[in-house]
Every structure is written in structure tokens, then in C-alpha cells.
């Protein structure tokens, strides 16, 4: 097996064709680094009757 220059040195890197390693790091063209953070998706709004703990108010 050939030594991948993108490996962090642990010897356990498994890097896919997109440059992503199983550990969560990604090749940025120069080094392995944490991928950019994705913005959180907004939570849906709860409405009466959708949650058993929410009772409609009279």
C-alpha cells in the first residue's frame, strides 16, 4: 500500500476521492484540516396539536 501524502501521520487515514478522511478532516489543498462549519438549520415552529404536551387553549 502506498503512503498517502495527505495522511496526518497516524497511519490510519482512510481518504475518499473528495479528500475527506474518516476522522472528519478534509484536504484543503495544502493540509488536512477541519471542514468549514455549515450553518445550523432553523428549527420548525411547534403548533398546538402537534406535540402531545401542548394542549390547545380555550
PDB file of N, CA and C in Angstrom:
ATOM      1  N   UNK A   1       0.843  -1.181   0.000  1.00  0.00           N
ATOM      2  CA  UNK A   1       0.000   0.000   0.000  1.00  0.00           C
ATOM      3  C   UNK A   1       0.887   1.242   0.000  1.00  0.00           C
ATOM      4  N   UNK A   2       0.543   2.238  -0.806  1.00  0.00           N
ATOM      5  CA  UNK A   2       1.333   3.466  -0.909  1.00  0.00           C
ATOM      6  C   UNK A   2       0.991   4.422   0.219  1.00  0.00           C
ATOM      7  N   UNK A   3       1.998   5.173   0.662  1.00  0.00           N
ATOM      8  CA  UNK A   3       1.806   6.183   1.691  1.00  0.00           C
ATOM      9  C   UNK A   3       1.151   7.408   1.058  1.00  0.00           C
ATOM     10  N   UNK A   4      -0.021   7.804   1.561  1.00  0.00           N
ATOM     11  CA  UNK A   4      -0.741   8.962   1.025  1.00  0.00           C
ATOM     12  C   UNK A   4      -0.159  10.222   1.657  1.00  0.00           C
ATOM     13  N   UNK A   5       0.304  11.196   0.851  1.00  0.00           N
ATOM     14  CA  UNK A   5       0.880  12.425   1.422  1.00  0.00           C
ATOM     15  C   UNK A   5      -0.127  13.248   2.218  1.00  0.00           C
ATOM     16  N   UNK A   6      -1.417  12.965   2.064  1.00  0.00           N
ATOM     17  CA  UNK A   6      -2.442  13.694   2.819  1.00  0.00           C
ATOM     18  C   UNK A   6      -2.632  13.136   4.218  1.00  0.00           C
ATOM     19  N   UNK A   7      -2.039  11.987   4.515  1.00  0.00           N
ATOM     20  CA  UNK A   7      -2.222  11.358   5.827  1.00  0.00           C
ATOM     21  C   UNK A   7      -1.658  12.241   6.931  1.00  0.00           C
ATOM     22  N   UNK A   8      -2.354  12.316   8.051  1.00  0.00           N
ATOM     23  CA  UNK A   8      -1.943  13.163   9.173  1.00  0.00           C
ATOM     24  C   UNK A   8      -0.744  12.601   9.932  1.00  0.00           C
ATOM     25  N   UNK A   9      -0.352  11.386   9.608  1.00  0.00           N
ATOM     26  CA  UNK A   9       0.782  10.773  10.285  1.00  0.00           C
ATOM     27  C   UNK A   9       0.374   9.660  11.226  1.00  0.00           C
ATOM     28  N   UNK A  10      -0.920   9.494  11.444  1.00  0.00           N
ATOM     29  CA  UNK A  10      -1.386   8.452  12.349  1.00  0.00           C
ATOM     30  C   UNK A  10      -1.245   7.068  11.732  1.00  0.00           C
ATOM     31  N   UNK A  11      -1.200   7.018  10.388  1.00  0.00           N
ATOM     32  CA  UNK A  11      -1.123   5.739   9.700  1.00  0.00           C
ATOM     33  C   UNK A  11      -2.471   5.067   9.561  1.00  0.00           C
ATOM     34  N   UNK A  12      -3.529   5.727  10.003  1.00  0.00           N
ATOM     35  CA  UNK A  12      -4.869   5.138   9.931  1.00  0.00           C
ATOM     36  C   UNK A  12      -5.813   5.939   9.056  1.00  0.00           C
ATOM     37  N   UNK A  13      -5.296   6.859   8.267  1.00  0.00           N
ATOM     38  CA  UNK A  13      -6.159   7.684   7.423  1.00  0.00           C
ATOM     39  C   UNK A  13      -6.800   6.853   6.316  1.00  0.00           C
ATOM     40  N   UNK A  14      -8.077   7.055   6.123  1.00  0.00           N
ATOM     41  CA  UNK A  14      -8.820   6.470   5.010  1.00  0.00           C
ATOM     42  C   UNK A  14      -9.471   7.661   4.322  1.00  0.00           C
ATOM     43  N   UNK A  15      -8.907   8.056   3.176  1.00  0.00           N
ATOM     44  CA  UNK A  15      -9.314   9.278   2.496  1.00  0.00           C
ATOM     45  C   UNK A  15     -10.054   8.939   1.220  1.00  0.00           C
ATOM     46  N   UNK A  16     -11.259   9.512   1.057  1.00  0.00           N
ATOM     47  CA  UNK A  16     -12.045   9.252  -0.154  1.00  0.00           C
ATOM     48  C   UNK A  16     -11.601  10.165  -1.296  1.00  0.00           C
ATOM     49  N   UNK A  17     -12.234  10.024  -2.445  1.00  0.00           N
ATOM     50  CA  UNK A  17     -11.849  10.792  -3.626  1.00  0.00           C
ATOM     51  C   UNK A  17     -12.144  12.286  -3.473  1.00  0.00           C
ATOM     52  N   UNK A  18     -13.005  12.657  -2.521  1.00  0.00           N
ATOM     53  CA  UNK A  18     -13.319  14.060  -2.261  1.00  0.00           C
ATOM     54  C   UNK A  18     -12.312  14.700  -1.302  1.00  0.00           C
ATOM     55  N   UNK A  19     -11.369  13.902  -0.775  1.00  0.00           N
ATOM     56  CA  UNK A  19     -10.375  14.412   0.161  1.00  0.00           C
ATOM     57  C   UNK A  19     -10.823  14.380   1.607  1.00  0.00           C
ATOM     58  N   UNK A  20     -11.939  13.677   1.882  1.00  0.00           N
ATOM     59  CA  UNK A  20     -12.448  13.572   3.254  1.00  0.00           C
ATOM     60  C   UNK A  20     -11.903  12.321   3.910  1.00  0.00           C
ATOM     61  N   UNK A  21     -11.434  12.478   5.146  1.00  0.00           N
ATOM     62  CA  UNK A  21     -10.926  11.348   5.920  1.00  0.00           C
ATOM     63  C   UNK A  21     -12.032  10.845   6.847  1.00  0.00           C
ATOM     64  N   UNK A  22     -11.932   9.594   7.250  1.00  0.00           N
ATOM     65  CA  UNK A  22     -12.935   9.004   8.145  1.00  0.00           C
ATOM     66  C   UNK A  22     -12.999   9.746   9.476  1.00  0.00           C
ATOM     67  N   UNK A  23     -11.915  10.441   9.871  1.00  0.00           N
ATOM     68  CA  UNK A  23     -11.879  11.125  11.165  1.00  0.00           C
ATOM     69  C   UNK A  23     -12.595  12.475  11.133  1.00  0.00           C
ATOM     70  N   UNK A  24     -13.034  12.908   9.930  1.00  0.00           N
ATOM     71  CA  UNK A  24     -13.770  14.160   9.826  1.00  0.00           C
ATOM     72  C   UNK A  24     -12.967  15.289   9.219  1.00  0.00           C
ATOM     73  N   UNK A  25     -11.643  15.127   9.103  1.00  0.00           N
ATOM     74  CA  UNK A  25     -10.837  16.166   8.480  1.00  0.00           C
ATOM     75  C   UNK A  25     -10.977  16.103   6.965  1.00  0.00           C
ATOM     76  N   UNK A  26     -10.626  17.202   6.302  1.00  0.00           N
ATOM     77  CA  UNK A  26     -10.727  17.271   4.852  1.00  0.00           C
ATOM     78  C   UNK A  26      -9.476  17.937   4.300  1.00  0.00           C
ATOM     79  N   UNK A  27      -9.011  17.449   3.149  1.00  0.00           N
ATOM     80  CA  UNK A  27      -7.856  18.013   2.481  1.00  0.00           C
ATOM     81  C   UNK A  27      -8.237  19.373   1.909  1.00  0.00           C
ATOM     82  N   UNK A  28      -7.489  20.426   2.277  1.00  0.00           N
ATOM     83  CA  UNK A  28      -7.803  21.771   1.787  1.00  0.00           C
ATOM     84  C   UNK A  28      -6.900  22.206   0.638  1.00  0.00           C
ATOM     85  N   UNK A  29      -6.122  21.290   0.109  1.00  0.00           N
ATOM     86  CA  UNK A  29      -5.200  21.585  -0.980  1.00  0.00           C
ATOM     87  C   UNK A  29      -3.767  21.690  -0.498  1.00  0.00           C
ATOM     88  N   UNK A  30      -3.589  21.924   0.803  1.00  0.00           N
ATOM     89  CA  UNK A  30      -2.261  22.021   1.385  1.00  0.00           C
ATOM     90  C   UNK A  30      -2.076  21.097   2.582  1.00  0.00           C
ATOM     91  N   UNK A  31      -3.148  20.918   3.364  1.00  0.00           N
ATOM     92  CA  UNK A  31      -3.059  20.114   4.587  1.00  0.00           C
ATOM     93  C   UNK A  31      -4.438  19.563   4.949  1.00  0.00           C
ATOM     94  N   UNK A  32      -4.454  18.608   5.852  1.00  0.00           N
ATOM     95  CA  UNK A  32      -5.707  18.104   6.392  1.00  0.00           C
ATOM     96  C   UNK A  32      -6.162  19.075   7.467  1.00  0.00           C
ATOM     97  N   UNK A  33      -7.428  19.435   7.442  1.00  0.00           N
ATOM     98  CA  UNK A  33      -7.974  20.389   8.406  1.00  0.00           C
ATOM     99  C   UNK A  33      -9.448  20.086   8.630  1.00  0.00           C
ATOM    100  N   UNK A  34      -9.989  20.659   9.689  1.00  0.00           N
ATOM    101  CA  UNK A  34     -11.426  20.509   9.949  1.00  0.00           C
ATOM    102  C   UNK A  34     -12.182  21.174   8.808  1.00  0.00           C
ATOM    103  N   UNK A  35     -13.264  20.547   8.325  1.00  0.00           N
ATOM    104  CA  UNK A  35     -14.037  21.156   7.240  1.00  0.00           C
ATOM    105  C   UNK A  35     -14.734  22.419   7.722  1.00  0.00           C
ATOM    106  N   UNK A  36     -15.074  23.322   6.800  1.00  0.00           N
ATOM    107  CA  UNK A  36     -15.784  24.532   7.213  1.00  0.00           C
ATOM    108  C   UNK A  36     -17.117  24.175   7.854  1.00  0.00           C
ATOM    109  N   UNK A  37     -17.498  24.925   8.865  1.00  0.00           N
ATOM    110  CA  UNK A  37     -18.764  24.668   9.561  1.00  0.00           C
ATOM    111  C   UNK A  37     -19.923  25.092   8.691  1.00  0.00           C
ATOM    112  N   UNK A  38     -20.959  24.289   8.717  1.00  0.00           N
ATOM    113  CA  UNK A  38     -22.185  24.584   7.992  1.00  0.00           C
ATOM    114  C   UNK A  38     -23.130  25.293   8.952  1.00  0.00           C
ATOM    115  N   UNK A  39     -23.856  26.322   8.492  1.00  0.00           N
ATOM    116  CA  UNK A  39     -24.815  26.994   9.379  1.00  0.00           C
ATOM    117  C   UNK A  39     -25.916  26.020   9.801  1.00  0.00           C
ATOM    118  N   UNK A  40     -26.355  26.168  11.034  1.00  0.00           N
ATOM    119  CA  UNK A  40     -27.416  25.307  11.551  1.00  0.00           C
ATOM    120  C   UNK A  40     -28.725  25.617  10.837  1.00  0.00           C
ATOM    121  N   UNK A  41     -29.512  24.575  10.621  1.00  0.00           N
ATOM    122  CA  UNK A  41     -30.822  24.761  10.005  1.00  0.00           C
ATOM    123  C   UNK A  41     -31.793  25.236  11.069  1.00  0.00           C
ATOM    124  N   UNK A  42     -32.644  26.205  10.751  1.00  0.00           N
ATOM    125  CA  UNK A  42     -33.605  26.686  11.737  1.00  0.00           C
ATOM    126  C   UNK A  42     -34.592  25.583  12.114  1.00  0.00           C
ATOM    127  N   UNK A  43     -34.936  25.551  13.386  1.00  0.00           N
ATOM    128  CA  UNK A  43     -35.900  24.559  13.866  1.00  0.00           C
ATOM    129  C   UNK A  43     -37.303  24.951  13.414  1.00  0.00           C
ATOM    130  N   UNK A  44     -38.131  23.948  13.185  1.00  0.00           N
ATOM    131  CA  UNK A  44     -39.520  24.215  12.799  1.00  0.00           C
ATOM    132  C   UNK A  44     -40.306  24.758  13.970  1.00  0.00           C
ATOM    133  N   UNK A  45     -41.354  25.479  13.679  1.00  0.00           N
ATOM    134  CA  UNK A  45     -42.191  26.051  14.729  1.00  0.00           C
ATOM    135  C   UNK A  45     -43.194  25.004  15.202  1.00  0.00           C
ATOM    136  N   UNK A  46     -43.338  24.892  16.521  1.00  0.00           N
ATOM    137  CA  UNK A  46     -44.320  23.979  17.093  1.00  0.00           C
ATOM    138  C   UNK A  46     -45.691  24.646  17.071  1.00  0.00           C
ATOM    139  N   UNK A  47     -46.698  23.868  16.743  1.00  0.00           N
ATOM    140  CA  UNK A  47     -48.064  24.383  16.760  1.00  0.00           C
ATOM    141  C   UNK A  47     -48.911  23.498  17.650  1.00  0.00           C
ATOM    142  N   UNK A  48     -49.989  24.049  18.160  1.00  0.00           N
ATOM    143  CA  UNK A  48     -50.879  23.292  19.027  1.00  0.00           C
ATOM    144  C   UNK A  48     -51.387  22.056  18.296  1.00  0.00           C
ATOM    145  N   UNK A  49     -51.399  20.956  18.995  1.00  0.00           N
ATOM    146  CA  UNK A  49     -51.891  19.721  18.409  1.00  0.00           C
ATOM    147  C   UNK A  49     -50.803  18.868  17.766  1.00  0.00           C
ATOM    148  N   UNK A  50     -49.593  19.406  17.620  1.00  0.00           N
ATOM    149  CA  UNK A  50     -48.517  18.619  17.031  1.00  0.00           C
ATOM    150  C   UNK A  50     -47.677  17.937  18.095  1.00  0.00           C
ATOM    151  N   UNK A  51     -47.729  18.418  19.325  1.00  0.00           N
ATOM    152  CA  UNK A  51     -46.965  17.864  20.426  1.00  0.00           C
ATOM    153  C   UNK A  51     -47.951  17.424  21.496  1.00  0.00           C
ATOM    154  N   UNK A  52     -47.873  16.173  21.925  1.00  0.00           N
ATOM    155  CA  UNK A  52     -48.828  15.714  22.930  1.00  0.00           C
ATOM    156  C   UNK A  52     -48.786  16.526  24.217  1.00  0.00           C
ATOM    157  N   UNK A  53     -47.676  17.209  24.490  1.00  0.00           N
ATOM    158  CA  UNK A  53     -47.569  18.026  25.696  1.00  0.00           C
ATOM    159  C   UNK A  53     -48.214  19.395  25.532  1.00  0.00           C
ATOM    160  N   UNK A  54     -48.562  19.767  24.306  1.00  0.00           N
ATOM    161  CA  UNK A  54     -49.191  21.053  24.069  1.00  0.00           C
ATOM    162  C   UNK A  54     -50.701  20.863  23.905  1.00  0.00           C
ATOM    163  N   UNK A  55     -51.441  21.450  24.780  1.00  0.00           N
ATOM    164  CA  UNK A  55     -52.907  21.374  24.701  1.00  0.00           C
ATOM    165  C   UNK A  55     -53.419  22.703  24.182  1.00  0.00           C
ATOM    166  N   UNK A  56     -54.380  22.689  23.284  1.00  0.00           N
ATOM    167  CA  UNK A  56     -54.951  23.950  22.790  1.00  0.00           C
ATOM    168  C   UNK A  56     -55.616  24.699  23.934  1.00  0.00           C
ATOM    169  N   UNK A  57     -55.429  26.001  23.943  1.00  0.00           N
ATOM    170  CA  UNK A  57     -56.027  26.856  24.988  1.00  0.00           C
ATOM    171  C   UNK A  57     -57.423  27.259  24.547  1.00  0.00           C
ATOM    172  N   UNK A  58     -58.404  27.220  25.488  1.00  0.00           N
ATOM    173  CA  UNK A  58     -59.786  27.619  25.150  1.00  0.00           C
ATOM    174  C   UNK A  58     -59.913  29.082  24.872  1.00  0.00           C
TER     175      UNK A  58
END
